[in-house]
């Protein structure tokens, strides 16, 4: 089983590998609110949280908590 940290790192790496494919989503997130859906009981540690982090970094909205 992957720890949250390892999962997050691996998923971010995968998202970066597909940056070109995700460019339209990044562009949209720069202009308007984007809703990310997920199916997890954990609201903080899930794939949508990682995608949000990716988008926030790409759009300059990332803030370390």
N, C-alpha and C. Protein backbone atom coordinates (compact mmCIF):
# COMPACT_ATOMS: atom_id res chain seq x y z
N UNK A 1 0.85 -1.19 0.00
CA UNK A 1 0.00 0.00 0.00
C UNK A 1 0.88 1.24 0.00
N UNK A 2 0.55 2.19 -0.86
CA UNK A 2 1.29 3.45 -0.95
C UNK A 2 0.88 4.39 0.17
N UNK A 3 1.87 5.06 0.73
CA UNK A 3 1.55 6.12 1.69
C UNK A 3 0.98 7.30 0.90
N UNK A 4 0.32 8.21 1.60
CA UNK A 4 -0.24 9.38 0.94
C UNK A 4 0.86 10.17 0.23
N UNK A 5 1.98 10.39 0.90
CA UNK A 5 3.08 11.15 0.32
C UNK A 5 3.61 10.54 -0.96
N UNK A 6 3.79 9.24 -0.95
CA UNK A 6 4.30 8.55 -2.15
C UNK A 6 3.27 8.57 -3.28
N UNK A 7 2.00 8.38 -2.92
CA UNK A 7 0.94 8.45 -3.93
C UNK A 7 0.91 9.84 -4.56
N UNK A 8 0.94 10.88 -3.72
CA UNK A 8 0.88 12.25 -4.19
C UNK A 8 2.05 12.56 -5.13
N UNK A 9 3.23 12.16 -4.74
CA UNK A 9 4.42 12.39 -5.58
C UNK A 9 4.31 11.67 -6.91
N UNK A 10 3.89 10.42 -6.88
CA UNK A 10 3.77 9.63 -8.11
C UNK A 10 2.69 10.21 -9.02
N UNK A 11 1.59 10.64 -8.43
CA UNK A 11 0.49 11.19 -9.24
C UNK A 11 0.89 12.54 -9.84
N UNK A 12 1.57 13.39 -9.07
CA UNK A 12 2.05 14.66 -9.60
C UNK A 12 3.02 14.44 -10.76
N UNK A 13 3.89 13.46 -10.62
CA UNK A 13 4.83 13.14 -11.69
C UNK A 13 4.07 12.72 -12.95
N UNK A 14 3.05 11.90 -12.77
CA UNK A 14 2.25 11.44 -13.91
C UNK A 14 1.52 12.62 -14.56
N UNK A 15 0.99 13.52 -13.75
CA UNK A 15 0.32 14.70 -14.30
C UNK A 15 1.30 15.56 -15.08
N UNK A 16 2.51 15.73 -14.55
CA UNK A 16 3.53 16.53 -15.25
C UNK A 16 3.90 15.90 -16.59
N UNK A 17 3.93 14.58 -16.65
CA UNK A 17 4.24 13.89 -17.90
C UNK A 17 3.18 14.18 -18.97
N UNK A 18 1.98 14.51 -18.53
CA UNK A 18 0.87 14.76 -19.44
C UNK A 18 0.48 16.24 -19.46
N UNK A 19 1.43 17.11 -19.16
CA UNK A 19 1.15 18.55 -19.10
C UNK A 19 0.53 19.07 -20.39
N UNK A 20 1.02 18.59 -21.51
CA UNK A 20 0.48 19.07 -22.79
C UNK A 20 -1.00 18.71 -22.93
N UNK A 21 -1.34 17.49 -22.53
CA UNK A 21 -2.74 17.05 -22.61
C UNK A 21 -3.62 17.83 -21.63
N UNK A 22 -3.04 18.25 -20.52
CA UNK A 22 -3.80 18.95 -19.49
C UNK A 22 -3.83 20.46 -19.68
N UNK A 23 -3.13 20.95 -20.70
CA UNK A 23 -3.06 22.40 -20.94
C UNK A 23 -4.45 23.05 -21.05
N UNK A 24 -5.42 22.46 -21.75
CA UNK A 24 -6.74 23.09 -21.82
C UNK A 24 -7.40 23.23 -20.43
N UNK A 25 -7.18 22.24 -19.58
CA UNK A 25 -7.74 22.32 -18.23
C UNK A 25 -7.05 23.43 -17.43
N UNK A 26 -5.74 23.55 -17.57
CA UNK A 26 -5.00 24.61 -16.89
C UNK A 26 -5.49 25.97 -17.37
N UNK A 27 -5.65 26.12 -18.68
CA UNK A 27 -6.14 27.38 -19.25
C UNK A 27 -7.52 27.73 -18.71
N UNK A 28 -8.36 26.74 -18.61
CA UNK A 28 -9.70 26.99 -18.08
C UNK A 28 -9.65 27.38 -16.62
N UNK A 29 -8.78 26.73 -15.85
CA UNK A 29 -8.64 27.02 -14.42
C UNK A 29 -8.09 28.43 -14.20
N UNK A 30 -7.35 28.94 -15.16
CA UNK A 30 -6.84 30.31 -15.07
C UNK A 30 -7.95 31.34 -15.21
N UNK A 31 -9.03 30.97 -15.89
CA UNK A 31 -10.10 31.91 -16.21
C UNK A 31 -11.33 31.78 -15.31
N UNK A 32 -11.57 30.57 -14.83
CA UNK A 32 -12.81 30.34 -14.07
C UNK A 32 -12.64 29.19 -13.09
N UNK A 33 -13.59 29.07 -12.23
CA UNK A 33 -13.59 27.98 -11.25
C UNK A 33 -13.80 26.66 -11.96
N UNK A 34 -13.01 25.67 -11.57
CA UNK A 34 -13.12 24.32 -12.13
C UNK A 34 -13.53 23.40 -10.98
N UNK A 35 -14.53 22.58 -11.22
CA UNK A 35 -15.00 21.63 -10.20
C UNK A 35 -14.37 20.27 -10.46
N UNK A 36 -13.71 19.75 -9.43
CA UNK A 36 -13.08 18.43 -9.52
C UNK A 36 -13.91 17.44 -8.71
N UNK A 37 -14.26 16.34 -9.31
CA UNK A 37 -15.05 15.31 -8.64
C UNK A 37 -14.15 14.15 -8.25
N UNK A 38 -14.49 13.52 -7.14
CA UNK A 38 -13.73 12.36 -6.69
C UNK A 38 -14.65 11.43 -5.94
N UNK A 39 -14.22 10.20 -5.82
CA UNK A 39 -14.99 9.19 -5.12
C UNK A 39 -14.12 8.61 -4.01
N UNK A 40 -14.14 9.29 -2.89
CA UNK A 40 -13.33 8.87 -1.75
C UNK A 40 -14.00 9.36 -0.48
N UNK A 41 -13.81 8.64 0.58
CA UNK A 41 -14.35 9.09 1.85
C UNK A 41 -13.42 10.09 2.52
N UNK A 42 -12.20 10.19 2.04
CA UNK A 42 -11.22 11.11 2.60
C UNK A 42 -11.22 12.40 1.76
N UNK A 43 -11.71 13.48 2.32
CA UNK A 43 -11.84 14.73 1.59
C UNK A 43 -10.51 15.46 1.39
N UNK A 44 -9.47 15.09 2.12
CA UNK A 44 -8.18 15.78 2.04
C UNK A 44 -7.14 15.01 1.24
N UNK A 45 -7.20 13.71 1.29
CA UNK A 45 -6.19 12.88 0.64
C UNK A 45 -6.86 12.03 -0.44
N UNK A 46 -6.93 12.59 -1.64
CA UNK A 46 -7.56 11.90 -2.76
C UNK A 46 -7.01 12.44 -4.06
N UNK A 47 -7.35 11.82 -5.16
CA UNK A 47 -6.80 12.23 -6.45
C UNK A 47 -7.17 13.65 -6.83
N UNK A 48 -8.36 14.11 -6.49
CA UNK A 48 -8.77 15.47 -6.83
C UNK A 48 -7.91 16.50 -6.09
N UNK A 49 -7.50 16.19 -4.87
CA UNK A 49 -6.63 17.10 -4.11
C UNK A 49 -5.29 17.25 -4.82
N UNK A 50 -4.80 16.19 -5.41
CA UNK A 50 -3.52 16.24 -6.13
C UNK A 50 -3.70 17.03 -7.43
N UNK A 51 -4.79 16.81 -8.12
CA UNK A 51 -5.05 17.56 -9.35
C UNK A 51 -5.19 19.05 -9.03
N UNK A 52 -5.84 19.37 -7.92
CA UNK A 52 -5.97 20.77 -7.51
C UNK A 52 -4.59 21.37 -7.25
N UNK A 53 -3.75 20.64 -6.56
CA UNK A 53 -2.40 21.12 -6.31
C UNK A 53 -1.66 21.37 -7.63
N UNK A 54 -1.78 20.45 -8.55
CA UNK A 54 -1.16 20.59 -9.87
C UNK A 54 -1.67 21.85 -10.57
N UNK A 55 -2.99 22.03 -10.59
CA UNK A 55 -3.58 23.19 -11.25
C UNK A 55 -3.17 24.49 -10.56
N UNK A 56 -3.19 24.48 -9.24
CA UNK A 56 -2.83 25.68 -8.48
C UNK A 56 -1.39 26.09 -8.77
N UNK A 57 -0.50 25.13 -8.86
CA UNK A 57 0.89 25.44 -9.17
C UNK A 57 1.02 25.99 -10.59
N UNK A 58 0.29 25.42 -11.52
CA UNK A 58 0.37 25.87 -12.92
C UNK A 58 -0.23 27.25 -13.12
N UNK A 59 -1.24 27.59 -12.31
CA UNK A 59 -1.92 28.87 -12.48
C UNK A 59 -1.39 29.93 -11.51
N UNK A 60 -0.41 29.57 -10.70
CA UNK A 60 0.17 30.53 -9.77
C UNK A 60 -0.65 30.77 -8.53
N UNK A 61 -1.58 29.87 -8.24
CA UNK A 61 -2.46 30.05 -7.08
C UNK A 61 -2.07 29.17 -5.90
N UNK A 62 -0.98 28.43 -6.04
CA UNK A 62 -0.58 27.49 -4.99
C UNK A 62 -0.07 28.21 -3.76
N UNK A 63 -0.57 27.81 -2.60
CA UNK A 63 -0.11 28.35 -1.32
C UNK A 63 0.19 27.18 -0.40
N UNK A 64 1.40 27.15 0.12
CA UNK A 64 1.79 26.09 1.07
C UNK A 64 0.98 26.26 2.34
N UNK A 65 0.39 25.18 2.83
CA UNK A 65 -0.43 25.23 4.06
C UNK A 65 0.36 24.70 5.22
